[in-house]
Amino acid sequence: MSLKLCYWDVRAMGEIPRHLLRYSGQDWVDDRMGMADFGRWQAEKFTLGLDLPNLPYLIDGDIKVTQSVAVIRYLGRKFGLVPGDDEKDIVKCEMIEQEAVDLRSAFQKLCLDKEGFEEKKPAYLDSMEKKLEILDKYIGDGPFVLGEKLTYVDFMLYEFVSQIRKMSPERVGTAVNIGRLLNAIEALPQLQDHFNSELYKTKPIHPPFAAFTGLE
């Protein structure tokens, strides 16, 4: 049975598992819901056998996963994109995983705040740049979080930082090591067709009701 990933038709929290599935080369179903499908989701969510119904959800045979980070971790294990047994590597990946989640959370909070967006944006960008400076030093020369070894955390950091980069490329550009990681992910042969496609270029980060959708 093919893997099936279901999420809204935006990047947001769904693009990382999509990147992992594209990278894997395996057959999978990319089930995207538009805003008009909200009623469909409400009708289906308790009929799919999901223990904690939510989007995104992943179905892999008899394994059903919800919660975005749980889905990402599952795919990381499935495709061998995990740190290994070295405790220092594990800790580094777990810390950066959560730092990436924090970056995404602050970015999303700003982008969905239509009334306060313009007023709060300068302070957000100042804070974000400082956080990236610290993270950039911790990552080191790379090109990935664990040097030459690619893990699921690299895909998390790539997607969340590249979303922020759509808003402020000049601020993100000051983080040289993170920039090297972004370039390394975009150079992966398994993802070249996607990054060159109209699907990648035209898909919004957030839904149309956001103050910043990523298509501005």
N, C-alpha and C. Protein backbone atom coordinates (compact mmCIF):
# COMPACT_ATOMS: atom_id res chain seq x y z
N MET A 1 0.84 -1.19 0.00
CA MET A 1 0.00 0.00 0.00
C MET A 1 0.87 1.24 0.00
N SER A 2 0.52 2.23 -0.82
CA SER A 2 1.28 3.48 -0.87
C SER A 2 1.11 4.26 0.42
N LEU A 3 2.13 5.00 0.75
CA LEU A 3 2.03 5.95 1.85
C LEU A 3 1.07 7.07 1.46
N LYS A 4 0.32 7.55 2.43
CA LYS A 4 -0.58 8.66 2.16
C LYS A 4 -0.37 9.74 3.20
N LEU A 5 -0.12 10.96 2.72
CA LEU A 5 -0.01 12.13 3.58
C LEU A 5 -1.14 13.08 3.24
N CYS A 6 -1.84 13.53 4.25
CA CYS A 6 -2.95 14.47 4.02
C CYS A 6 -2.70 15.75 4.83
N TYR A 7 -2.84 16.89 4.14
CA TYR A 7 -2.67 18.19 4.80
C TYR A 7 -3.33 19.24 3.93
N TRP A 8 -3.45 20.43 4.47
CA TRP A 8 -3.98 21.54 3.69
C TRP A 8 -3.06 21.86 2.51
N ASP A 9 -3.59 22.52 1.51
CA ASP A 9 -2.84 22.82 0.30
C ASP A 9 -2.00 24.10 0.47
N VAL A 10 -1.19 24.08 1.52
CA VAL A 10 -0.22 25.14 1.80
C VAL A 10 1.04 24.44 2.31
N ARG A 11 2.13 25.20 2.43
CA ARG A 11 3.38 24.61 2.94
C ARG A 11 3.29 24.41 4.45
N ALA A 12 3.20 25.51 5.20
CA ALA A 12 3.00 25.49 6.65
C ALA A 12 3.72 24.32 7.32
N MET A 13 2.96 23.43 7.98
CA MET A 13 3.53 22.28 8.69
C MET A 13 3.58 21.02 7.82
N GLY A 14 3.07 21.10 6.61
CA GLY A 14 2.98 19.90 5.78
C GLY A 14 4.13 19.68 4.83
N GLU A 15 4.94 20.72 4.59
CA GLU A 15 5.94 20.59 3.54
C GLU A 15 7.14 19.75 3.97
N ILE A 16 7.44 19.70 5.25
CA ILE A 16 8.58 18.88 5.69
C ILE A 16 8.34 17.40 5.42
N PRO A 17 7.21 16.82 5.85
CA PRO A 17 6.99 15.42 5.47
C PRO A 17 6.91 15.22 3.96
N ARG A 18 6.41 16.21 3.24
CA ARG A 18 6.41 16.09 1.78
C ARG A 18 7.84 16.03 1.24
N HIS A 19 8.74 16.86 1.77
CA HIS A 19 10.14 16.81 1.35
C HIS A 19 10.73 15.43 1.63
N LEU A 20 10.47 14.91 2.82
CA LEU A 20 11.02 13.60 3.19
C LEU A 20 10.50 12.50 2.27
N LEU A 21 9.23 12.57 1.93
CA LEU A 21 8.64 11.57 1.03
C LEU A 21 9.19 11.71 -0.38
N ARG A 22 9.36 12.93 -0.84
CA ARG A 22 9.97 13.13 -2.17
C ARG A 22 11.39 12.59 -2.18
N TYR A 23 12.13 12.88 -1.12
CA TYR A 23 13.52 12.43 -1.04
C TYR A 23 13.61 10.91 -1.05
N SER A 24 12.64 10.24 -0.45
CA SER A 24 12.70 8.78 -0.31
C SER A 24 12.62 8.06 -1.64
N GLY A 25 11.97 8.66 -2.62
CA GLY A 25 11.78 8.00 -3.90
C GLY A 25 10.67 6.96 -3.89
N GLN A 26 9.99 6.79 -2.78
CA GLN A 26 8.90 5.82 -2.69
C GLN A 26 7.60 6.40 -3.25
N ASP A 27 6.70 5.51 -3.63
CA ASP A 27 5.38 5.95 -4.06
C ASP A 27 4.60 6.46 -2.85
N TRP A 28 3.92 7.58 -3.04
CA TRP A 28 3.08 8.10 -1.95
C TRP A 28 1.99 8.97 -2.52
N VAL A 29 0.94 9.13 -1.75
CA VAL A 29 -0.21 9.92 -2.15
C VAL A 29 -0.16 11.25 -1.42
N ASP A 30 -0.19 12.34 -2.18
CA ASP A 30 -0.15 13.69 -1.62
C ASP A 30 -1.58 14.24 -1.64
N ASP A 31 -2.31 14.00 -0.56
CA ASP A 31 -3.71 14.40 -0.47
C ASP A 31 -3.77 15.80 0.13
N ARG A 32 -4.08 16.79 -0.71
CA ARG A 32 -4.11 18.18 -0.27
C ARG A 32 -5.55 18.68 -0.18
N MET A 33 -5.86 19.33 0.91
CA MET A 33 -7.19 19.89 1.10
C MET A 33 -7.14 21.40 0.94
N GLY A 34 -8.03 21.92 0.10
CA GLY A 34 -8.18 23.35 -0.02
C GLY A 34 -9.11 23.88 1.05
N MET A 35 -9.24 25.20 1.13
CA MET A 35 -10.12 25.79 2.13
C MET A 35 -11.57 25.32 1.95
N ALA A 36 -11.93 25.02 0.72
CA ALA A 36 -13.29 24.55 0.47
C ALA A 36 -13.52 23.14 0.99
N ASP A 37 -12.44 22.45 1.37
CA ASP A 37 -12.55 21.08 1.86
C ASP A 37 -12.68 20.99 3.37
N PHE A 38 -12.88 22.12 4.04
CA PHE A 38 -12.96 22.08 5.49
C PHE A 38 -14.11 21.17 5.95
N GLY A 39 -15.23 21.24 5.24
CA GLY A 39 -16.36 20.38 5.58
C GLY A 39 -16.03 18.91 5.38
N ARG A 40 -15.26 18.62 4.33
CA ARG A 40 -14.83 17.23 4.10
C ARG A 40 -14.01 16.71 5.27
N TRP A 41 -13.08 17.54 5.75
CA TRP A 41 -12.24 17.13 6.87
C TRP A 41 -13.07 16.90 8.13
N GLN A 42 -14.01 17.79 8.39
CA GLN A 42 -14.86 17.62 9.55
C GLN A 42 -15.69 16.33 9.47
N ALA A 43 -16.08 15.97 8.27
CA ALA A 43 -16.87 14.74 8.08
C ALA A 43 -16.01 13.48 8.18
N GLU A 44 -14.74 13.59 7.77
CA GLU A 44 -13.88 12.40 7.70
C GLU A 44 -13.04 12.15 8.94
N LYS A 45 -12.75 13.19 9.71
CA LYS A 45 -11.68 13.12 10.70
C LYS A 45 -11.85 12.01 11.74
N PHE A 46 -13.09 11.67 12.05
CA PHE A 46 -13.31 10.63 13.05
C PHE A 46 -13.66 9.28 12.42
N THR A 47 -13.48 9.17 11.12
CA THR A 47 -13.81 7.92 10.42
C THR A 47 -12.57 7.21 9.88
N LEU A 48 -11.39 7.77 10.11
CA LEU A 48 -10.16 7.27 9.48
C LEU A 48 -9.34 6.36 10.39
N GLY A 49 -9.81 6.17 11.60
CA GLY A 49 -9.06 5.33 12.53
C GLY A 49 -7.86 6.03 13.14
N LEU A 50 -7.87 7.36 13.14
CA LEU A 50 -6.78 8.13 13.73
C LEU A 50 -7.02 8.26 15.24
N ASP A 51 -6.02 7.91 16.02
CA ASP A 51 -6.19 7.99 17.48
C ASP A 51 -6.33 9.42 17.96
N LEU A 52 -5.60 10.33 17.36
CA LEU A 52 -5.68 11.76 17.69
C LEU A 52 -5.90 12.52 16.38
N PRO A 53 -7.13 12.58 15.90
CA PRO A 53 -7.40 13.17 14.58
C PRO A 53 -6.86 14.59 14.45
N ASN A 54 -6.07 14.80 13.41
CA ASN A 54 -5.45 16.09 13.19
C ASN A 54 -4.83 16.09 11.79
N LEU A 55 -4.47 17.28 11.33
CA LEU A 55 -3.72 17.43 10.10
C LEU A 55 -2.38 18.08 10.41
N PRO A 56 -1.30 17.57 9.82
CA PRO A 56 -1.25 16.48 8.84
C PRO A 56 -1.45 15.12 9.48
N TYR A 57 -1.90 14.17 8.65
CA TYR A 57 -1.87 12.77 9.09
C TYR A 57 -1.17 11.94 8.02
N LEU A 58 -0.54 10.88 8.48
CA LEU A 58 0.18 9.96 7.60
C LEU A 58 -0.37 8.56 7.82
N ILE A 59 -0.67 7.87 6.74
CA ILE A 59 -1.08 6.47 6.81
C ILE A 59 -0.06 5.64 6.06
N ASP A 60 0.52 4.68 6.76
CA ASP A 60 1.52 3.77 6.19
C ASP A 60 1.10 2.36 6.57
N GLY A 61 0.25 1.76 5.73
CA GLY A 61 -0.30 0.45 6.07
C GLY A 61 -1.18 0.55 7.31
N ASP A 62 -0.84 -0.24 8.34
CA ASP A 62 -1.64 -0.19 9.55
C ASP A 62 -1.11 0.82 10.57
N ILE A 63 -0.12 1.60 10.17
CA ILE A 63 0.41 2.64 11.04
C ILE A 63 -0.20 3.98 10.63
N LYS A 64 -0.79 4.66 11.61
CA LYS A 64 -1.43 5.95 11.36
C LYS A 64 -0.88 6.96 12.34
N VAL A 65 -0.31 8.04 11.80
CA VAL A 65 0.40 9.01 12.62
C VAL A 65 -0.21 10.40 12.42
N THR A 66 -0.43 11.11 13.53
CA THR A 66 -0.80 12.52 13.47
C THR A 66 0.19 13.29 14.35
N GLN A 67 0.01 14.62 14.35
CA GLN A 67 0.93 15.57 14.98
C GLN A 67 2.17 15.70 14.10
N SER A 68 2.42 16.92 13.67
CA SER A 68 3.41 17.15 12.61
C SER A 68 4.80 16.64 12.95
N VAL A 69 5.30 16.89 14.16
CA VAL A 69 6.65 16.44 14.50
C VAL A 69 6.70 14.92 14.60
N ALA A 70 5.63 14.30 15.10
CA ALA A 70 5.58 12.84 15.16
C ALA A 70 5.63 12.24 13.75
N VAL A 71 4.93 12.87 12.80
CA VAL A 71 4.97 12.41 11.41
C VAL A 71 6.39 12.54 10.85
N ILE A 72 7.03 13.67 11.12
CA ILE A 72 8.39 13.91 10.63
C ILE A 72 9.36 12.90 11.22
N ARG A 73 9.27 12.67 12.52
CA ARG A 73 10.17 11.71 13.17
C ARG A 73 9.96 10.30 12.63
N TYR A 74 8.70 9.93 12.42
CA TYR A 74 8.41 8.60 11.88
C TYR A 74 9.06 8.41 10.51
N LEU A 75 8.89 9.39 9.64
CA LEU A 75 9.49 9.29 8.31
C LEU A 75 11.01 9.31 8.39
N GLY A 76 11.56 10.07 9.32
CA GLY A 76 13.00 10.07 9.50
C GLY A 76 13.53 8.69 9.85
N ARG A 77 12.83 8.00 10.76
CA ARG A 77 13.23 6.63 11.12
C ARG A 77 13.04 5.68 9.95
N LYS A 78 11.92 5.83 9.26
CA LYS A 78 11.61 4.93 8.16
C LYS A 78 12.64 5.00 7.05
N PHE A 79 13.12 6.20 6.78
CA PHE A 79 14.04 6.39 5.67
C PHE A 79 15.51 6.48 6.10
N GLY A 80 15.78 6.16 7.36
CA GLY A 80 17.16 6.14 7.84
C GLY A 80 17.78 7.51 7.99
N LEU A 81 16.95 8.54 8.19
CA LEU A 81 17.43 9.91 8.32
C LEU A 81 17.44 10.33 9.79
N VAL A 82 18.13 9.56 10.59
CA VAL A 82 18.21 9.79 12.03
C VAL A 82 19.67 9.88 12.45
N PRO A 83 19.95 10.44 13.64
CA PRO A 83 21.34 10.70 14.02
C PRO A 83 22.20 9.47 14.21
N GLY A 84 21.65 8.34 14.61
CA GLY A 84 22.47 7.17 14.95
C GLY A 84 22.54 7.00 16.45
N ASP A 85 23.61 6.37 16.95
CA ASP A 85 23.70 6.02 18.37
C ASP A 85 24.53 6.98 19.20
N ASP A 86 25.20 7.92 18.57
CA ASP A 86 26.05 8.85 19.32
C ASP A 86 25.17 9.85 20.09
N GLU A 87 25.30 9.83 21.41
CA GLU A 87 24.40 10.64 22.24
C GLU A 87 24.55 12.14 21.97
N LYS A 88 25.76 12.60 21.69
CA LYS A 88 25.96 14.01 21.39
C LYS A 88 25.23 14.41 20.10
N ASP A 89 25.27 13.52 19.10
CA ASP A 89 24.57 13.80 17.84
C ASP A 89 23.06 13.81 18.07
N ILE A 90 22.57 12.88 18.88
CA ILE A 90 21.13 12.82 19.16
C ILE A 90 20.68 14.10 19.85
N VAL A 91 21.44 14.50 20.87
CA VAL A 91 21.08 15.71 21.62
C VAL A 91 21.11 16.94 20.71
N LYS A 92 22.13 17.05 19.86
CA LYS A 92 22.21 18.19 18.96
C LYS A 92 21.00 18.24 18.03
N CYS A 93 20.63 17.11 17.47
CA CYS A 93 19.47 17.06 16.57
C CYS A 93 18.18 17.41 17.31
N GLU A 94 18.01 16.88 18.52
CA GLU A 94 16.79 17.13 19.26
C GLU A 94 16.68 18.60 19.66
N MET A 95 17.80 19.20 20.04
CA MET A 95 17.78 20.62 20.41
C MET A 95 17.46 21.49 19.20
N ILE A 96 18.07 21.19 18.07
CA ILE A 96 17.81 22.00 16.87
C ILE A 96 16.40 21.75 16.35
N GLU A 97 15.92 20.53 16.50
CA GLU A 97 14.52 20.24 16.14
C GLU A 97 13.58 21.19 16.87
N GLN A 98 13.75 21.32 18.17
CA GLN A 98 12.86 22.16 18.95
C GLN A 98 13.08 23.65 18.69
N GLU A 99 14.33 24.02 18.42
CA GLU A 99 14.60 25.41 18.05
C GLU A 99 13.90 25.75 16.73
N ALA A 100 13.90 24.81 15.80
CA ALA A 100 13.20 25.02 14.52
C ALA A 100 11.70 25.18 14.75
N VAL A 101 11.14 24.38 15.65
CA VAL A 101 9.72 24.49 15.97
C VAL A 101 9.42 25.86 16.58
N ASP A 102 10.30 26.34 17.46
CA ASP A 102 10.11 27.65 18.06
C ASP A 102 10.16 28.77 17.00
N LEU A 103 11.12 28.64 16.06
CA LEU A 103 11.20 29.62 14.98
C LEU A 103 9.91 29.67 14.18
N ARG A 104 9.41 28.49 13.86
CA ARG A 104 8.18 28.39 13.08
C ARG A 104 6.99 28.96 13.85
N SER A 105 6.91 28.67 15.15
CA SER A 105 5.78 29.13 15.96
C SER A 105 5.71 30.65 16.01
N ALA A 106 6.86 31.30 16.22
CA ALA A 106 6.88 32.77 16.27
C ALA A 106 6.54 33.36 14.91
N PHE A 107 7.03 32.75 13.85
CA PHE A 107 6.75 33.23 12.50
C PHE A 107 5.27 33.10 12.18
N GLN A 108 4.70 31.96 12.49
CA GLN A 108 3.27 31.74 12.22
C GLN A 108 2.41 32.72 13.02
N LYS A 109 2.76 32.93 14.28
CA LYS A 109 1.99 33.85 15.12
C LYS A 109 1.94 35.24 14.50
N LEU A 110 3.08 35.71 14.00
CA LEU A 110 3.11 37.02 13.35
C LEU A 110 2.28 37.02 12.08
N CYS A 111 2.48 36.01 11.25
CA CYS A 111 1.84 35.99 9.93
C CYS A 111 0.32 35.89 9.99
N LEU A 112 -0.20 35.30 11.05
CA LEU A 112 -1.65 35.15 11.18
C LEU A 112 -2.29 36.33 11.90
N ASP A 113 -1.48 37.27 12.34
CA ASP A 113 -1.99 38.43 13.08
C ASP A 113 -2.22 39.58 12.10
N LYS A 114 -3.39 39.57 11.48
CA LYS A 114 -3.66 40.58 10.45
C LYS A 114 -3.68 41.99 11.01
N GLU A 115 -4.21 42.16 12.18
CA GLU A 115 -4.34 43.50 12.75
C GLU A 115 -2.99 44.05 13.22
N GLY A 116 -2.15 43.18 13.80
CA GLY A 116 -0.91 43.67 14.38
C GLY A 116 0.32 43.42 13.55
N PHE A 117 0.16 42.86 12.35
CA PHE A 117 1.30 42.41 11.55
C PHE A 117 2.34 43.49 11.31
N GLU A 118 1.94 44.61 10.74
CA GLU A 118 2.89 45.66 10.37
C GLU A 118 3.57 46.26 11.60
N GLU A 119 2.81 46.43 12.66
CA GLU A 119 3.37 47.01 13.88
C GLU A 119 4.38 46.09 14.55
N LYS A 120 4.10 44.78 14.54
CA LYS A 120 4.93 43.82 15.26
C LYS A 120 6.08 43.27 14.42
N LYS A 121 6.02 43.44 13.12
CA LYS A 121 7.02 42.85 12.23
C LYS A 121 8.45 43.30 12.53
N PRO A 122 8.74 44.59 12.73
CA PRO A 122 10.14 44.99 12.98
C PRO A 122 10.74 44.32 14.22
N ALA A 123 9.99 44.27 15.31
CA ALA A 123 10.50 43.63 16.53
C ALA A 123 10.69 42.14 16.32
N TYR A 124 9.76 41.52 15.58
CA TYR A 124 9.91 40.09 15.28
C TYR A 124 11.19 39.84 14.50
N LEU A 125 11.46 40.64 13.47
CA LEU A 125 12.64 40.43 12.64
C LEU A 125 13.93 40.62 13.44
N ASP A 126 13.95 41.60 14.34
CA ASP A 126 15.13 41.80 15.18
C ASP A 126 15.38 40.57 16.06
N SER A 127 14.32 40.07 16.68
CA SER A 127 14.44 38.90 17.55
C SER A 127 14.83 37.66 16.75
N MET A 128 14.21 37.48 15.59
CA MET A 128 14.50 36.33 14.75
C MET A 128 15.96 36.32 14.31
N GLU A 129 16.49 37.48 13.92
CA GLU A 129 17.87 37.55 13.46
C GLU A 129 18.85 37.17 14.57
N LYS A 130 18.56 37.59 15.79
CA LYS A 130 19.41 37.23 16.93
C LYS A 130 19.38 35.73 17.19
N LYS A 131 18.20 35.14 17.09
CA LYS A 131 18.07 33.69 17.29
C LYS A 131 18.82 32.92 16.20
N LEU A 132 18.72 33.39 14.97
CA LEU A 132 19.44 32.73 13.89
C LEU A 132 20.95 32.84 14.07
N GLU A 133 21.41 33.96 14.61
CA GLU A 133 22.85 34.14 14.84
C GLU A 133 23.38 33.09 15.81
N ILE A 134 22.63 32.84 16.89
CA ILE A 134 23.02 31.83 17.88
C ILE A 134 22.97 30.44 17.26
N LEU A 135 21.87 30.16 16.56
CA LEU A 135 21.70 28.86 15.93
C LEU A 135 22.77 28.61 14.88
N ASP A 136 23.13 29.64 14.15
CA ASP A 136 24.14 29.53 13.09
C ASP A 136 25.48 29.07 13.66
N LYS A 137 25.86 29.61 14.80
CA LYS A 137 27.12 29.22 15.44
C LYS A 137 27.07 27.77 15.90
N TYR A 138 25.92 27.36 16.44
CA TYR A 138 25.79 26.00 16.96
C TYR A 138 25.84 24.97 15.83
N ILE A 139 25.25 25.28 14.70
CA ILE A 139 25.25 24.34 13.57
C ILE A 139 26.67 24.12 13.06
N GLY A 140 27.43 25.18 12.94
CA GLY A 140 28.80 25.04 12.45
C GLY A 140 28.85 24.99 10.93
N ASP A 141 29.98 24.49 10.41
CA ASP A 141 30.26 24.56 8.98
C ASP A 141 29.40 23.64 8.12
N GLY A 142 28.81 22.63 8.75
CA GLY A 142 27.90 21.75 8.02
C GLY A 142 28.54 20.88 6.94
N PRO A 143 27.88 20.69 5.81
CA PRO A 143 26.74 21.48 5.35
C PRO A 143 25.44 21.20 6.09
N PHE A 144 25.36 20.04 6.79
CA PHE A 144 24.15 19.70 7.51
C PHE A 144 24.39 19.82 9.01
N VAL A 145 23.35 19.61 9.78
CA VAL A 145 23.46 19.72 11.24
C VAL A 145 24.55 18.81 11.78
N LEU A 146 24.66 17.60 11.23
CA LEU A 146 25.69 16.65 11.64
C LEU A 146 26.79 16.53 10.59
N GLY A 147 27.18 17.64 10.03
CA GLY A 147 28.25 17.62 9.04
C GLY A 147 27.79 17.06 7.71
N GLU A 148 28.37 15.94 7.30
CA GLU A 148 28.01 15.33 6.02
C GLU A 148 26.78 14.43 6.12
N LYS A 149 26.35 14.12 7.34
CA LYS A 149 25.23 13.18 7.53
C LYS A 149 23.90 13.93 7.48
N LEU A 150 23.03 13.52 6.58
CA LEU A 150 21.72 14.12 6.41
C LEU A 150 20.72 13.48 7.37
N THR A 151 19.94 14.31 8.08
CA THR A 151 18.90 13.80 8.97
C THR A 151 17.60 14.55 8.74
N TYR A 152 16.54 14.06 9.35
CA TYR A 152 15.23 14.71 9.21
C TYR A 152 15.26 16.15 9.74
N VAL A 153 16.15 16.43 10.70
CA VAL A 153 16.23 17.77 11.28
C VAL A 153 16.67 18.79 10.23
N ASP A 154 17.51 18.37 9.29
CA ASP A 154 17.92 19.27 8.22
C ASP A 154 16.73 19.72 7.38
N PHE A 155 15.80 18.80 7.14
CA PHE A 155 14.61 19.14 6.38
C PHE A 155 13.72 20.10 7.18
N MET A 156 13.65 19.91 8.50
CA MET A 156 12.87 20.82 9.34
C MET A 156 13.46 22.22 9.30
N LEU A 157 14.75 22.30 9.52
CA LEU A 157 15.39 23.61 9.53
C LEU A 157 15.29 24.28 8.17
N TYR A 158 15.49 23.50 7.12
CA TYR A 158 15.38 24.04 5.77
C TYR A 158 14.01 24.68 5.56
N GLU A 159 12.96 23.93 5.81
CA GLU A 159 11.63 24.42 5.47
C GLU A 159 11.24 25.63 6.31
N PHE A 160 11.46 25.56 7.61
CA PHE A 160 11.02 26.66 8.46
C PHE A 160 11.83 27.93 8.19
N VAL A 161 13.15 27.81 7.99
CA VAL A 161 13.95 29.00 7.72
C VAL A 161 13.66 29.53 6.31
N SER A 162 13.43 28.64 5.36
CA SER A 162 13.13 29.12 4.00
C SER A 162 11.78 29.82 3.94
N GLN A 163 10.85 29.44 4.84
CA GLN A 163 9.60 30.18 4.93
C GLN A 163 9.85 31.59 5.43
N ILE A 164 10.67 31.73 6.46
CA ILE A 164 11.00 33.06 6.98
C ILE A 164 11.76 33.87 5.93
N ARG A 165 12.61 33.18 5.17
CA ARG A 165 13.39 33.84 4.12
C ARG A 165 12.49 34.49 3.07
N LYS A 166 11.30 33.95 2.85
CA LYS A 166 10.37 34.57 1.90
C LYS A 166 9.97 35.97 2.35
N MET A 167 9.91 36.16 3.66
CA MET A 167 9.56 37.47 4.20
C MET A 167 10.76 38.41 4.24
N SER A 168 11.92 37.88 4.64
CA SER A 168 13.07 38.76 4.85
C SER A 168 14.37 38.07 4.44
N PRO A 169 14.63 37.97 3.13
CA PRO A 169 15.84 37.28 2.68
C PRO A 169 17.13 37.94 3.18
N GLU A 170 17.12 39.26 3.36
CA GLU A 170 18.33 39.94 3.79
C GLU A 170 18.67 39.62 5.24
N ARG A 171 17.67 39.46 6.10
CA ARG A 171 17.91 39.11 7.50
C ARG A 171 18.38 37.66 7.62
N VAL A 172 17.73 36.77 6.93
CA VAL A 172 18.12 35.35 6.96
C VAL A 172 19.50 35.17 6.35
N GLY A 173 19.83 36.01 5.36
CA GLY A 173 21.09 35.88 4.66
C GLY A 173 22.31 36.14 5.52
N THR A 174 22.13 36.74 6.69
CA THR A 174 23.27 36.98 7.58
C THR A 174 23.75 35.70 8.26
N ALA A 175 22.95 34.67 8.26
CA ALA A 175 23.30 33.39 8.89
C ALA A 175 23.99 32.51 7.84
N VAL A 176 25.31 32.56 7.78
CA VAL A 176 26.07 31.94 6.71
C VAL A 176 25.98 30.41 6.75
N ASN A 177 26.11 29.82 7.92
CA ASN A 177 26.07 28.36 8.02
C ASN A 177 24.69 27.82 7.70
N ILE A 178 23.67 28.53 8.17
CA ILE A 178 22.30 28.12 7.84
C ILE A 178 22.07 28.26 6.34
N GLY A 179 22.60 29.31 5.74
CA GLY A 179 22.49 29.48 4.30
C GLY A 179 23.13 28.33 3.55
N ARG A 180 24.26 27.84 4.06
CA ARG A 180 24.93 26.68 3.45
C ARG A 180 24.04 25.44 3.52
N LEU A 181 23.36 25.27 4.66
CA LEU A 181 22.44 24.13 4.80
C LEU A 181 21.27 24.25 3.82
N LEU A 182 20.71 25.44 3.69
CA LEU A 182 19.60 25.62 2.75
C LEU A 182 20.03 25.28 1.33
N ASN A 183 21.21 25.73 0.96
CA ASN A 183 21.72 25.44 -0.39
C ASN A 183 21.95 23.94 -0.58
N ALA A 184 22.44 23.29 0.47
CA ALA A 184 22.72 21.84 0.37
C ALA A 184 21.44 21.04 0.19
N ILE A 185 20.38 21.44 0.89
CA ILE A 185 19.09 20.75 0.72
C ILE A 185 18.56 20.98 -0.69
N GLU A 186 18.65 22.20 -1.18
CA GLU A 186 18.13 22.51 -2.52
C GLU A 186 18.95 21.84 -3.62
N ALA A 187 20.17 21.42 -3.28
CA ALA A 187 21.03 20.75 -4.27
C ALA A 187 20.86 19.23 -4.26
N LEU A 188 20.04 18.69 -3.35
CA LEU A 188 19.85 17.25 -3.32
C LEU A 188 19.21 16.79 -4.63
N PRO A 189 19.82 15.82 -5.34
CA PRO A 189 19.28 15.39 -6.63
C PRO A 189 17.83 14.92 -6.55
N GLN A 190 17.47 14.31 -5.43
CA GLN A 190 16.11 13.78 -5.28
C GLN A 190 15.05 14.88 -5.23
N LEU A 191 15.48 16.11 -4.95
CA LEU A 191 14.51 17.20 -4.81
C LEU A 191 14.62 18.25 -5.90
N GLN A 192 15.55 18.07 -6.83
CA GLN A 192 15.78 19.07 -7.86
C GLN A 192 14.52 19.35 -8.68
N ASP A 193 13.85 18.30 -9.12
CA ASP A 193 12.66 18.51 -9.95
C ASP A 193 11.61 19.30 -9.19
N HIS A 194 11.46 19.01 -7.90
CA HIS A 194 10.45 19.72 -7.11
C HIS A 194 10.81 21.19 -6.97
N PHE A 195 12.05 21.48 -6.59
CA PHE A 195 12.43 22.88 -6.37
C PHE A 195 12.39 23.70 -7.65
N ASN A 196 12.47 23.05 -8.79
CA ASN A 196 12.40 23.74 -10.08
C ASN A 196 10.98 23.81 -10.63
N SER A 197 10.04 23.24 -9.90
CA SER A 197 8.67 23.12 -10.42
C SER A 197 7.82 24.34 -10.06
N GLU A 198 6.74 24.51 -10.78
CA GLU A 198 5.78 25.56 -10.47
C GLU A 198 5.09 25.28 -9.14
N LEU A 199 4.95 24.01 -8.79
CA LEU A 199 4.33 23.65 -7.52
C LEU A 199 5.07 24.30 -6.36
N TYR A 200 6.40 24.24 -6.41
CA TYR A 200 7.19 24.84 -5.34
C TYR A 200 7.12 26.36 -5.38
N LYS A 201 7.17 26.92 -6.57
CA LYS A 201 7.24 28.37 -6.71
C LYS A 201 5.92 29.08 -6.40
N THR A 202 4.81 28.36 -6.55
CA THR A 202 3.52 29.03 -6.45
C THR A 202 2.70 28.64 -5.23
N LYS A 203 3.18 27.69 -4.42
CA LYS A 203 2.38 27.27 -3.27
C LYS A 203 2.60 28.22 -2.09
N PRO A 204 1.52 28.70 -1.50
CA PRO A 204 1.66 29.61 -0.37
C PRO A 204 2.14 28.90 0.89
N ILE A 205 2.70 29.68 1.79
CA ILE A 205 3.10 29.15 3.09
C ILE A 205 1.89 29.06 4.00
N HIS A 206 1.09 30.11 3.98
CA HIS A 206 -0.08 30.19 4.85
C HIS A 206 -1.35 30.37 4.00
N PRO A 207 -2.51 30.11 4.59
CA PRO A 207 -3.77 30.26 3.85
C PRO A 207 -4.06 31.73 3.55
N PRO A 208 -5.04 31.99 2.67
CA PRO A 208 -5.28 33.36 2.20
C PRO A 208 -5.73 34.34 3.26
N PHE A 209 -6.20 33.86 4.41
CA PHE A 209 -6.64 34.79 5.45
C PHE A 209 -5.48 35.31 6.30
N ALA A 210 -4.25 34.86 6.04
CA ALA A 210 -3.08 35.32 6.80
C ALA A 210 -2.64 36.70 6.34
N ALA A 211 -1.96 37.43 7.22
CA ALA A 211 -1.39 38.72 6.84
C ALA A 211 -0.24 38.54 5.87
N PHE A 212 0.50 37.44 6.00
CA PHE A 212 1.59 37.12 5.09
C PHE A 212 1.40 35.68 4.63
N THR A 213 1.12 35.49 3.34
CA THR A 213 0.86 34.14 2.83
C THR A 213 2.12 33.49 2.25
N GLY A 214 3.12 34.33 1.92
CA GLY A 214 4.32 33.80 1.27
C GLY A 214 4.29 33.96 -0.23
N LEU A 215 3.22 34.52 -0.75
CA LEU A 215 3.14 34.78 -2.20
C LEU A 215 3.20 36.27 -2.50
N GLU A 216 3.44 37.08 -1.48
CA GLU A 216 3.49 38.53 -1.68
C GLU A 216 4.67 38.92 -2.56
